[in-house]
Structure formats: structure tokens, C-alpha cells
Amino acid sequence: METVSEEKLNGVSDELLLNACVSESRCLITLDLDFADVLRFPPRQAAEIAVLRPPRTASLAVLTGLVQSLLAALRHETIAGRLWVVEAGRVRVHDELEL
């Protein structure tokens, strides 16, 4: 696991960041809701993306819970070629362009 800072990708465009993840076969885990836009980043073309959606007043415990939900879901199915939106109590899965 690497962070954006460790990869020296701070401040790059969303497209460049995602391209770096795709070229390195990495899953992008982010709080940036821009990556949940299936028109801009179609799941099958974007490799794997997990967008964590905490409530507005999220604590570290809430964020930890979202990561634990993501890890639990990964035990049961693959994220490859999908966008997952992880919210409190559920994981929404998008695996193809929804119109």
C-alpha cells in the first residue's frame, strides 16, 4: 500500500492519479467523490476504485469502520473492474456504466 504523497502524486489531476493506479495494478481507495462519477471514470476502464463516504462529521472511528467494511466485502468478492462506494452499513457496487 502506498499513499499519494509517497508516490509523489500530490496535486496531480484525477485522471493522472487513476492512470498511475491502473499502470501499477493498484486499487484506488479515496474520500474524493469525483471518483464516484461513473461517466467520468467508467468502472471497467478504471480498474478498481473504492470511494469511502463518511458522514459530514466523521471521526477516526467512523473512517476505521468504513475501511473495515471495505475489507470485509473484499473477502467475499472482487473489486476488479468495479467502483465500490462504501457507506455506513452498505457497499454499493458499480460494475458497468449506468445510464
PDB file of N, CA and C in Angstrom:
ATOM      1  N   MET A   1       0.835  -1.159   0.000  1.00  0.00           N
ATOM      2  CA  MET A   1       0.000   0.000   0.000  1.00  0.00           C
ATOM      3  C   MET A   1       0.888   1.232   0.000  1.00  0.00           C
ATOM      4  N   GLU A   2       0.532   2.180  -0.829  1.00  0.00           N
ATOM      5  CA  GLU A   2       1.263   3.444  -0.925  1.00  0.00           C
ATOM      6  C   GLU A   2       0.260   4.587  -0.870  1.00  0.00           C
ATOM      7  N   THR A   3       0.700   5.719  -0.381  1.00  0.00           N
ATOM      8  CA  THR A   3      -0.146   6.903  -0.379  1.00  0.00           C
ATOM      9  C   THR A   3       0.204   7.778  -1.576  1.00  0.00           C
ATOM     10  N   VAL A   4      -0.682   8.717  -1.856  1.00  0.00           N
ATOM     11  CA  VAL A   4      -0.434   9.669  -2.941  1.00  0.00           C
ATOM     12  C   VAL A   4       0.873  10.411  -2.667  1.00  0.00           C
ATOM     13  N   SER A   5       1.093  10.807  -1.434  1.00  0.00           N
ATOM     14  CA  SER A   5       2.327  11.527  -1.084  1.00  0.00           C
ATOM     15  C   SER A   5       3.561  10.669  -1.311  1.00  0.00           C
ATOM     16  N   GLU A   6       3.487   9.408  -0.901  1.00  0.00           N
ATOM     17  CA  GLU A   6       4.633   8.514  -1.081  1.00  0.00           C
ATOM     18  C   GLU A   6       4.958   8.300  -2.548  1.00  0.00           C
ATOM     19  N   GLU A   7       3.943   8.329  -3.380  1.00  0.00           N
ATOM     20  CA  GLU A   7       4.143   8.159  -4.822  1.00  0.00           C
ATOM     21  C   GLU A   7       4.471   9.474  -5.522  1.00  0.00           C
ATOM     22  N   LYS A   8       4.534  10.567  -4.731  1.00  0.00           N
ATOM     23  CA  LYS A   8       4.819  11.912  -5.254  1.00  0.00           C
ATOM     24  C   LYS A   8       3.796  12.338  -6.311  1.00  0.00           C
ATOM     25  N   LEU A   9       2.526  12.064  -5.994  1.00  0.00           N
ATOM     26  CA  LEU A   9       1.438  12.407  -6.906  1.00  0.00           C
ATOM     27  C   LEU A   9       0.516  13.483  -6.326  1.00  0.00           C
ATOM     28  N   ASN A  10       0.975  14.175  -5.297  1.00  0.00           N
ATOM     29  CA  ASN A  10       0.175  15.262  -4.721  1.00  0.00           C
ATOM     30  C   ASN A  10      -0.124  16.308  -5.785  1.00  0.00           C
ATOM     31  N   GLY A  11      -1.373  16.729  -5.863  1.00  0.00           N
ATOM     32  CA  GLY A  11      -1.746  17.820  -6.750  1.00  0.00           C
ATOM     33  C   GLY A  11      -1.938  17.450  -8.209  1.00  0.00           C
ATOM     34  N   VAL A  12      -1.750  16.184  -8.576  1.00  0.00           N
ATOM     35  CA  VAL A  12      -1.949  15.806  -9.977  1.00  0.00           C
ATOM     36  C   VAL A  12      -3.448  15.692 -10.264  1.00  0.00           C
ATOM     37  N   SER A  13      -3.807  15.684 -11.514  1.00  0.00           N
ATOM     38  CA  SER A  13      -5.210  15.549 -11.889  1.00  0.00           C
ATOM     39  C   SER A  13      -5.733  14.176 -11.490  1.00  0.00           C
ATOM     40  N   ASP A  14      -7.052  14.102 -11.342  1.00  0.00           N
ATOM     41  CA  ASP A  14      -7.671  12.814 -11.022  1.00  0.00           C
ATOM     42  C   ASP A  14      -7.327  11.772 -12.076  1.00  0.00           C
ATOM     43  N   GLU A  15      -7.333  12.184 -13.327  1.00  0.00           N
ATOM     44  CA  GLU A  15      -7.035  11.247 -14.422  1.00  0.00           C
ATOM     45  C   GLU A  15      -5.616  10.703 -14.304  1.00  0.00           C
ATOM     46  N   LEU A  16      -4.662  11.567 -14.022  1.00  0.00           N
ATOM     47  CA  LEU A  16      -3.270  11.126 -13.891  1.00  0.00           C
ATOM     48  C   LEU A  16      -3.103  10.201 -12.684  1.00  0.00           C
ATOM     49  N   LEU A  17      -3.764  10.528 -11.597  1.00  0.00           N
ATOM     50  CA  LEU A  17      -3.699   9.673 -10.416  1.00  0.00           C
ATOM     51  C   LEU A  17      -4.264   8.289 -10.711  1.00  0.00           C
ATOM     52  N   LEU A  18      -5.424   8.254 -11.353  1.00  0.00           N
ATOM     53  CA  LEU A  18      -6.025   6.960 -11.668  1.00  0.00           C
ATOM     54  C   LEU A  18      -5.174   6.193 -12.672  1.00  0.00           C
ATOM     55  N   ASN A  19      -4.615   6.873 -13.655  1.00  0.00           N
ATOM     56  CA  ASN A  19      -3.740   6.201 -14.623  1.00  0.00           C
ATOM     57  C   ASN A  19      -2.535   5.572 -13.928  1.00  0.00           C
ATOM     58  N   ALA A  20      -1.991   6.245 -12.921  1.00  0.00           N
ATOM     59  CA  ALA A  20      -0.865   5.676 -12.171  1.00  0.00           C
ATOM     60  C   ALA A  20      -1.309   4.410 -11.441  1.00  0.00           C
ATOM     61  N   CYS A  21      -2.509   4.432 -10.863  1.00  0.00           N
ATOM     62  CA  CYS A  21      -3.022   3.236 -10.176  1.00  0.00           C
ATOM     63  C   CYS A  21      -3.230   2.090 -11.160  1.00  0.00           C
ATOM     64  N   VAL A  22      -3.802   2.399 -12.305  1.00  0.00           N
ATOM     65  CA  VAL A  22      -4.058   1.371 -13.316  1.00  0.00           C
ATOM     66  C   VAL A  22      -2.739   0.780 -13.806  1.00  0.00           C
ATOM     67  N   SER A  23      -1.761   1.634 -14.104  1.00  0.00           N
ATOM     68  CA  SER A  23      -0.488   1.127 -14.648  1.00  0.00           C
ATOM     69  C   SER A  23       0.268   0.277 -13.631  1.00  0.00           C
ATOM     70  N   GLU A  24       0.033   0.510 -12.333  1.00  0.00           N
ATOM     71  CA  GLU A  24       0.692  -0.275 -11.292  1.00  0.00           C
ATOM     72  C   GLU A  24      -0.215  -1.367 -10.732  1.00  0.00           C
ATOM     73  N   SER A  25      -1.374  -1.574 -11.357  1.00  0.00           N
ATOM     74  CA  SER A  25      -2.353  -2.578 -10.908  1.00  0.00           C
ATOM     75  C   SER A  25      -2.713  -2.398  -9.436  1.00  0.00           C
ATOM     76  N   ARG A  26      -2.994  -1.159  -9.075  1.00  0.00           N
ATOM     77  CA  ARG A  26      -3.368  -0.836  -7.696  1.00  0.00           C
ATOM     78  C   ARG A  26      -4.827  -0.429  -7.627  1.00  0.00           C
ATOM     79  N   CYS A  27      -5.427  -0.675  -6.481  1.00  0.00           N
ATOM     80  CA  CYS A  27      -6.778  -0.221  -6.188  1.00  0.00           C
ATOM     81  C   CYS A  27      -6.669   1.180  -5.597  1.00  0.00           C
ATOM     82  N   LEU A  28      -7.477   2.101  -6.088  1.00  0.00           N
ATOM     83  CA  LEU A  28      -7.517   3.443  -5.537  1.00  0.00           C
ATOM     84  C   LEU A  28      -8.575   3.486  -4.442  1.00  0.00           C
ATOM     85  N   ILE A  29      -8.168   3.806  -3.229  1.00  0.00           N
ATOM     86  CA  ILE A  29      -9.087   3.982  -2.106  1.00  0.00           C
ATOM     87  C   ILE A  29      -9.036   5.458  -1.752  1.00  0.00           C
ATOM     88  N   THR A  30     -10.190   6.121  -1.815  1.00  0.00           N
ATOM     89  CA  THR A  30     -10.214   7.570  -1.699  1.00  0.00           C
ATOM     90  C   THR A  30     -11.469   8.075  -1.007  1.00  0.00           C
ATOM     91  N   LEU A  31     -11.382   9.305  -0.514  1.00  0.00           N
ATOM     92  CA  LEU A  31     -12.547  10.016   0.007  1.00  0.00           C
ATOM     93  C   LEU A  31     -13.081  10.996  -1.038  1.00  0.00           C
ATOM     94  N   ASP A  32     -12.415  11.100  -2.172  1.00  0.00           N
ATOM     95  CA  ASP A  32     -12.755  12.058  -3.229  1.00  0.00           C
ATOM     96  C   ASP A  32     -13.952  11.556  -4.034  1.00  0.00           C
ATOM     97  N   LEU A  33     -15.094  12.227  -3.871  1.00  0.00           N
ATOM     98  CA  LEU A  33     -16.320  11.802  -4.550  1.00  0.00           C
ATOM     99  C   LEU A  33     -16.257  11.951  -6.065  1.00  0.00           C
ATOM    100  N   ASP A  34     -15.295  12.712  -6.581  1.00  0.00           N
ATOM    101  CA  ASP A  34     -15.147  12.822  -8.044  1.00  0.00           C
ATOM    102  C   ASP A  34     -14.952  11.445  -8.676  1.00  0.00           C
ATOM    103  N   PHE A  35     -14.299  10.543  -7.950  1.00  0.00           N
ATOM    104  CA  PHE A  35     -14.025   9.211  -8.490  1.00  0.00           C
ATOM    105  C   PHE A  35     -15.268   8.318  -8.515  1.00  0.00           C
ATOM    106  N   ALA A  36     -16.362   8.762  -7.910  1.00  0.00           N
ATOM    107  CA  ALA A  36     -17.619   8.002  -7.942  1.00  0.00           C
ATOM    108  C   ALA A  36     -18.451   8.349  -9.172  1.00  0.00           C
ATOM    109  N   ASP A  37     -17.947   9.217 -10.025  1.00  0.00           N
ATOM    110  CA  ASP A  37     -18.650   9.615 -11.246  1.00  0.00           C
ATOM    111  C   ASP A  37     -18.403   8.562 -12.329  1.00  0.00           C
ATOM    112  N   VAL A  38     -19.403   7.690 -12.545  1.00  0.00           N
ATOM    113  CA  VAL A  38     -19.233   6.580 -13.499  1.00  0.00           C
ATOM    114  C   VAL A  38     -19.169   7.052 -14.944  1.00  0.00           C
ATOM    115  N   LEU A  39     -19.619   8.264 -15.223  1.00  0.00           N
ATOM    116  CA  LEU A  39     -19.492   8.795 -16.583  1.00  0.00           C
ATOM    117  C   LEU A  39     -18.054   9.240 -16.852  1.00  0.00           C
ATOM    118  N   ARG A  40     -17.430   9.814 -15.856  1.00  0.00           N
ATOM    119  CA  ARG A  40     -16.045  10.278 -15.991  1.00  0.00           C
ATOM    120  C   ARG A  40     -15.048   9.135 -15.863  1.00  0.00           C
ATOM    121  N   PHE A  41     -15.332   8.204 -14.958  1.00  0.00           N
ATOM    122  CA  PHE A  41     -14.443   7.069 -14.711  1.00  0.00           C
ATOM    123  C   PHE A  41     -15.240   5.770 -14.795  1.00  0.00           C
ATOM    124  N   PRO A  42     -15.534   5.298 -16.012  1.00  0.00           N
ATOM    125  CA  PRO A  42     -16.290   4.042 -16.145  1.00  0.00           C
ATOM    126  C   PRO A  42     -15.563   2.899 -15.438  1.00  0.00           C
ATOM    127  N   PRO A  43     -16.265   2.172 -14.568  1.00  0.00           N
ATOM    128  CA  PRO A  43     -15.612   1.146 -13.745  1.00  0.00           C
ATOM    129  C   PRO A  43     -14.774   0.140 -14.520  1.00  0.00           C
ATOM    130  N   ARG A  44     -15.254  -0.352 -15.636  1.00  0.00           N
ATOM    131  CA  ARG A  44     -14.490  -1.382 -16.363  1.00  0.00           C
ATOM    132  C   ARG A  44     -13.204  -0.831 -16.956  1.00  0.00           C
ATOM    133  N   GLN A  45     -13.153   0.466 -17.205  1.00  0.00           N
ATOM    134  CA  GLN A  45     -11.940   1.072 -17.762  1.00  0.00           C
ATOM    135  C   GLN A  45     -11.012   1.597 -16.675  1.00  0.00           C
ATOM    136  N   ALA A  46     -11.534   1.769 -15.476  1.00  0.00           N
ATOM    137  CA  ALA A  46     -10.777   2.438 -14.422  1.00  0.00           C
ATOM    138  C   ALA A  46     -10.131   1.483 -13.420  1.00  0.00           C
ATOM    139  N   ALA A  47     -10.114   0.209 -13.721  1.00  0.00           N
ATOM    140  CA  ALA A  47      -9.553  -0.791 -12.797  1.00  0.00           C
ATOM    141  C   ALA A  47     -10.420  -0.896 -11.560  1.00  0.00           C
ATOM    142  N   GLU A  48      -9.864  -0.639 -10.383  1.00  0.00           N
ATOM    143  CA  GLU A  48     -10.677  -0.731  -9.181  1.00  0.00           C
ATOM    144  C   GLU A  48     -10.584   0.555  -8.372  1.00  0.00           C
ATOM    145  N   ILE A  49     -11.771   1.011  -7.958  1.00  0.00           N
ATOM    146  CA  ILE A  49     -11.860   2.237  -7.166  1.00  0.00           C
ATOM    147  C   ILE A  49     -12.798   1.970  -5.993  1.00  0.00           C
ATOM    148  N   ALA A  50     -12.368   2.365  -4.796  1.00  0.00           N
ATOM    149  CA  ALA A  50     -13.230   2.326  -3.622  1.00  0.00           C
ATOM    150  C   ALA A  50     -13.325   3.747  -3.075  1.00  0.00           C
ATOM    151  N   VAL A  51     -14.524   4.291  -3.086  1.00  0.00           N
ATOM    152  CA  VAL A  51     -14.757   5.628  -2.554  1.00  0.00           C
ATOM    153  C   VAL A  51     -15.411   5.463  -1.184  1.00  0.00           C
ATOM    154  N   LEU A  52     -14.751   5.990  -0.159  1.00  0.00           N
ATOM    155  CA  LEU A  52     -15.297   5.947   1.187  1.00  0.00           C
ATOM    156  C   LEU A  52     -16.162   7.192   1.396  1.00  0.00           C
ATOM    157  N   ARG A  53     -17.409   6.983   1.857  1.00  0.00           N
ATOM    158  CA  ARG A  53     -18.343   8.102   2.051  1.00  0.00           C
ATOM    159  C   ARG A  53     -18.760   8.206   3.512  1.00  0.00           C
ATOM    160  N   PRO A  54     -17.958   8.885   4.297  1.00  0.00           N
ATOM    161  CA  PRO A  54     -18.339   9.076   5.696  1.00  0.00           C
ATOM    162  C   PRO A  54     -19.384  10.179   5.806  1.00  0.00           C
ATOM    163  N   PRO A  55     -20.090  10.233   6.942  1.00  0.00           N
ATOM    164  CA  PRO A  55     -20.973  11.366   7.167  1.00  0.00           C
ATOM    165  C   PRO A  55     -20.136  12.640   7.320  1.00  0.00           C
ATOM    166  N   ARG A  56     -20.787  13.783   7.248  1.00  0.00           N
ATOM    167  CA  ARG A  56     -20.063  15.069   7.295  1.00  0.00           C
ATOM    168  C   ARG A  56     -19.190  15.232   8.535  1.00  0.00           C
ATOM    169  N   THR A  57     -19.628  14.740   9.644  1.00  0.00           N
ATOM    170  CA  THR A  57     -18.868  14.887  10.888  1.00  0.00           C
ATOM    171  C   THR A  57     -18.253  13.548  11.280  1.00  0.00           C
ATOM    172  N   ALA A  58     -17.397  13.036  10.435  1.00  0.00           N
ATOM    173  CA  ALA A  58     -16.808  11.716  10.656  1.00  0.00           C
ATOM    174  C   ALA A  58     -15.637  11.779  11.619  1.00  0.00           C
ATOM    175  N   SER A  59     -15.580  10.808  12.484  1.00  0.00           N
ATOM    176  CA  SER A  59     -14.461  10.651  13.405  1.00  0.00           C
ATOM    177  C   SER A  59     -13.509   9.598  12.842  1.00  0.00           C
ATOM    178  N   LEU A  60     -12.384   9.451  13.482  1.00  0.00           N
ATOM    179  CA  LEU A  60     -11.444   8.401  13.086  1.00  0.00           C
ATOM    180  C   LEU A  60     -12.104   7.038  13.211  1.00  0.00           C
ATOM    181  N   ALA A  61     -12.927   6.857  14.228  1.00  0.00           N
ATOM    182  CA  ALA A  61     -13.623   5.575  14.417  1.00  0.00           C
ATOM    183  C   ALA A  61     -14.564   5.286  13.251  1.00  0.00           C
ATOM    184  N   VAL A  62     -15.243   6.312  12.743  1.00  0.00           N
ATOM    185  CA  VAL A  62     -16.145   6.128  11.599  1.00  0.00           C
ATOM    186  C   VAL A  62     -15.346   5.746  10.364  1.00  0.00           C
ATOM    187  N   LEU A  63     -14.238   6.434  10.120  1.00  0.00           N
ATOM    188  CA  LEU A  63     -13.392   6.105   8.962  1.00  0.00           C
ATOM    189  C   LEU A  63     -12.831   4.696   9.084  1.00  0.00           C
ATOM    190  N   THR A  64     -12.425   4.320  10.276  1.00  0.00           N
ATOM    191  CA  THR A  64     -11.925   2.965  10.512  1.00  0.00           C
ATOM    192  C   THR A  64     -13.018   1.943  10.204  1.00  0.00           C
ATOM    193  N   GLY A  65     -14.240   2.232  10.597  1.00  0.00           N
ATOM    194  CA  GLY A  65     -15.361   1.340  10.302  1.00  0.00           C
ATOM    195  C   GLY A  65     -15.599   1.181   8.819  1.00  0.00           C
ATOM    196  N   LEU A  66     -15.459   2.270   8.061  1.00  0.00           N
ATOM    197  CA  LEU A  66     -15.628   2.184   6.608  1.00  0.00           C
ATOM    198  C   LEU A  66     -14.545   1.310   5.982  1.00  0.00           C
ATOM    199  N   VAL A  67     -13.323   1.465   6.443  1.00  0.00           N
ATOM    200  CA  VAL A  67     -12.228   0.630   5.928  1.00  0.00           C
ATOM    201  C   VAL A  67     -12.474  -0.828   6.297  1.00  0.00           C
ATOM    202  N   GLN A  68     -12.947  -1.085   7.499  1.00  0.00           N
ATOM    203  CA  GLN A  68     -13.258  -2.458   7.901  1.00  0.00           C
ATOM    204  C   GLN A  68     -14.384  -3.042   7.037  1.00  0.00           C
ATOM    205  N   SER A  69     -15.376  -2.231   6.697  1.00  0.00           N
ATOM    206  CA  SER A  69     -16.453  -2.692   5.797  1.00  0.00           C
ATOM    207  C   SER A  69     -15.897  -3.029   4.420  1.00  0.00           C
ATOM    208  N   LEU A  70     -14.988  -2.203   3.933  1.00  0.00           N
ATOM    209  CA  LEU A  70     -14.351  -2.465   2.640  1.00  0.00           C
ATOM    210  C   LEU A  70     -13.592  -3.787   2.692  1.00  0.00           C
ATOM    211  N   LEU A  71     -12.790  -3.986   3.722  1.00  0.00           N
ATOM    212  CA  LEU A  71     -12.013  -5.218   3.844  1.00  0.00           C
ATOM    213  C   LEU A  71     -12.912  -6.441   3.967  1.00  0.00           C
ATOM    214  N   ALA A  72     -14.010  -6.318   4.702  1.00  0.00           N
ATOM    215  CA  ALA A  72     -14.952  -7.435   4.839  1.00  0.00           C
ATOM    216  C   ALA A  72     -15.573  -7.779   3.487  1.00  0.00           C
ATOM    217  N   ALA A  73     -15.939  -6.764   2.718  1.00  0.00           N
ATOM    218  CA  ALA A  73     -16.530  -7.007   1.397  1.00  0.00           C
ATOM    219  C   ALA A  73     -15.527  -7.665   0.456  1.00  0.00           C
ATOM    220  N   LEU A  74     -14.263  -7.282   0.574  1.00  0.00           N
ATOM    221  CA  LEU A  74     -13.225  -7.868  -0.278  1.00  0.00           C
ATOM    222  C   LEU A  74     -13.019  -9.355  -0.008  1.00  0.00           C
ATOM    223  N   ARG A  75     -13.393  -9.814   1.179  1.00  0.00           N
ATOM    224  CA  ARG A  75     -13.280 -11.243   1.487  1.00  0.00           C
ATOM    225  C   ARG A  75     -14.302 -12.067   0.711  1.00  0.00           C
ATOM    226  N   HIS A  76     -15.373 -11.411   0.251  1.00  0.00           N
ATOM    227  CA  HIS A  76     -16.467 -12.130  -0.402  1.00  0.00           C
ATOM    228  C   HIS A  76     -16.530 -11.934  -1.913  1.00  0.00           C
ATOM    229  N   GLU A  77     -15.980 -10.841  -2.407  1.00  0.00           N
ATOM    230  CA  GLU A  77     -16.000 -10.618  -3.847  1.00  0.00           C
ATOM    231  C   GLU A  77     -14.865  -9.712  -4.280  1.00  0.00           C
ATOM    232  N   THR A  78     -14.618  -9.707  -5.573  1.00  0.00           N
ATOM    233  CA  THR A  78     -13.515  -8.923  -6.119  1.00  0.00           C
ATOM    234  C   THR A  78     -13.975  -7.509  -6.457  1.00  0.00           C
ATOM    235  N   ILE A  79     -13.042  -6.583  -6.367  1.00  0.00           N
ATOM    236  CA  ILE A  79     -13.312  -5.207  -6.755  1.00  0.00           C
ATOM    237  C   ILE A  79     -12.796  -4.931  -8.171  1.00  0.00           C
ATOM    238  N   ALA A  80     -12.111  -5.895  -8.772  1.00  0.00           N
ATOM    239  CA  ALA A  80     -11.525  -5.718 -10.108  1.00  0.00           C
ATOM    240  C   ALA A  80     -12.576  -5.279 -11.118  1.00  0.00           C
ATOM    241  N   GLY A  81     -12.295  -4.183 -11.813  1.00  0.00           N
ATOM    242  CA  GLY A  81     -13.200  -3.662 -12.829  1.00  0.00           C
ATOM    243  C   GLY A  81     -14.465  -3.043 -12.268  1.00  0.00           C
ATOM    244  N   ARG A  82     -14.412  -2.638 -10.996  1.00  0.00           N
ATOM    245  CA  ARG A  82     -15.612  -2.115 -10.342  1.00  0.00           C
ATOM    246  C   ARG A  82     -15.314  -0.831  -9.576  1.00  0.00           C
ATOM    247  N   LEU A  83     -16.375  -0.116  -9.332  1.00  0.00           N
ATOM    248  CA  LEU A  83     -16.364   1.007  -8.419  1.00  0.00           C
ATOM    249  C   LEU A  83     -17.194   0.606  -7.215  1.00  0.00           C
ATOM    250  N   TRP A  84     -16.616   0.728  -6.044  1.00  0.00           N
ATOM    251  CA  TRP A  84     -17.353   0.474  -4.805  1.00  0.00           C
ATOM    252  C   TRP A  84     -17.486   1.792  -4.056  1.00  0.00           C
ATOM    253  N   VAL A  85     -18.684   2.097  -3.614  1.00  0.00           N
ATOM    254  CA  VAL A  85     -18.920   3.252  -2.762  1.00  0.00           C
ATOM    255  C   VAL A  85     -19.278   2.695  -1.386  1.00  0.00           C
ATOM    256  N   VAL A  86     -18.401   2.941  -0.420  1.00  0.00           N
ATOM    257  CA  VAL A  86     -18.534   2.359   0.911  1.00  0.00           C
ATOM    258  C   VAL A  86     -19.127   3.410   1.844  1.00  0.00           C
ATOM    259  N   GLU A  87     -20.318   3.099   2.347  1.00  0.00           N
ATOM    260  CA  GLU A  87     -21.034   3.986   3.262  1.00  0.00           C
ATOM    261  C   GLU A  87     -21.295   3.217   4.550  1.00  0.00           C
ATOM    262  N   ALA A  88     -21.707   3.916   5.578  1.00  0.00           N
ATOM    263  CA  ALA A  88     -22.042   3.254   6.832  1.00  0.00           C
ATOM    264  C   ALA A  88     -23.155   2.240   6.583  1.00  0.00           C
ATOM    265  N   GLY A  89     -22.872   0.979   6.842  1.00  0.00           N
ATOM    266  CA  GLY A  89     -23.880  -0.059   6.716  1.00  0.00           C
ATOM    267  C   GLY A  89     -24.072  -0.668   5.345  1.00  0.00           C
ATOM    268  N   ARG A  90     -23.361  -0.170   4.322  1.00  0.00           N
ATOM    269  CA  ARG A  90     -23.526  -0.783   2.997  1.00  0.00           C
ATOM    270  C   ARG A  90     -22.364  -0.454   2.062  1.00  0.00           C
ATOM    271  N   VAL A  91     -22.232  -1.317   1.056  1.00  0.00           N
ATOM    272  CA  VAL A  91     -21.258  -1.108  -0.015  1.00  0.00           C
ATOM    273  C   VAL A  91     -22.038  -1.183  -1.320  1.00  0.00           C
ATOM    274  N   ARG A  92     -22.067  -0.053  -2.052  1.00  0.00           N
ATOM    275  CA  ARG A  92     -22.723  -0.034  -3.356  1.00  0.00           C
ATOM    276  C   ARG A  92     -21.686  -0.409  -4.415  1.00  0.00           C
ATOM    277  N   VAL A  93     -22.045  -1.350  -5.274  1.00  0.00           N
ATOM    278  CA  VAL A  93     -21.127  -1.858  -6.290  1.00  0.00           C
ATOM    279  C   VAL A  93     -21.615  -1.436  -7.669  1.00  0.00           C
ATOM    280  N   HIS A  94     -20.718  -0.800  -8.429  1.00  0.00           N
ATOM    281  CA  HIS A  94     -20.992  -0.439  -9.819  1.00  0.00           C
ATOM    282  C   HIS A  94     -19.982  -1.175 -10.668  1.00  0.00           C
ATOM    283  N   ASP A  95     -20.471  -2.024 -11.573  1.00  0.00           N
ATOM    284  CA  ASP A  95     -19.502  -2.760 -12.392  1.00  0.00           C
ATOM    285  C   ASP A  95     -19.613  -2.486 -13.874  1.00  0.00           C
ATOM    286  N   GLU A  96     -20.531  -1.647 -14.270  1.00  0.00           N
ATOM    287  CA  GLU A  96     -20.555  -1.187 -15.648  1.00  0.00           C
ATOM    288  C   GLU A  96     -21.252   0.148 -15.712  1.00  0.00           C
ATOM    289  N   LEU A  97     -21.071   0.839 -16.790  1.00  0.00           N
ATOM    290  CA  LEU A  97     -21.635   2.161 -16.958  1.00  0.00           C
ATOM    291  C   LEU A  97     -23.147   2.118 -16.778  1.00  0.00           C
ATOM    292  N   GLU A  98     -23.632   2.957 -15.887  1.00  0.00           N
ATOM    293  CA  GLU A  98     -25.074   3.021 -15.638  1.00  0.00           C
ATOM    294  C   GLU A  98     -25.629   4.272 -16.295  1.00  0.00           C
ATOM    295  N   LEU A  99     -26.577   4.128 -17.152  1.00  0.00           N
ATOM    296  CA  LEU A  99     -27.185   5.277 -17.830  1.00  0.00           C
ATOM    297  C   LEU A  99     -28.593   5.488 -17.352  1.00  0.00           C
TER     298      LEU A  99
END
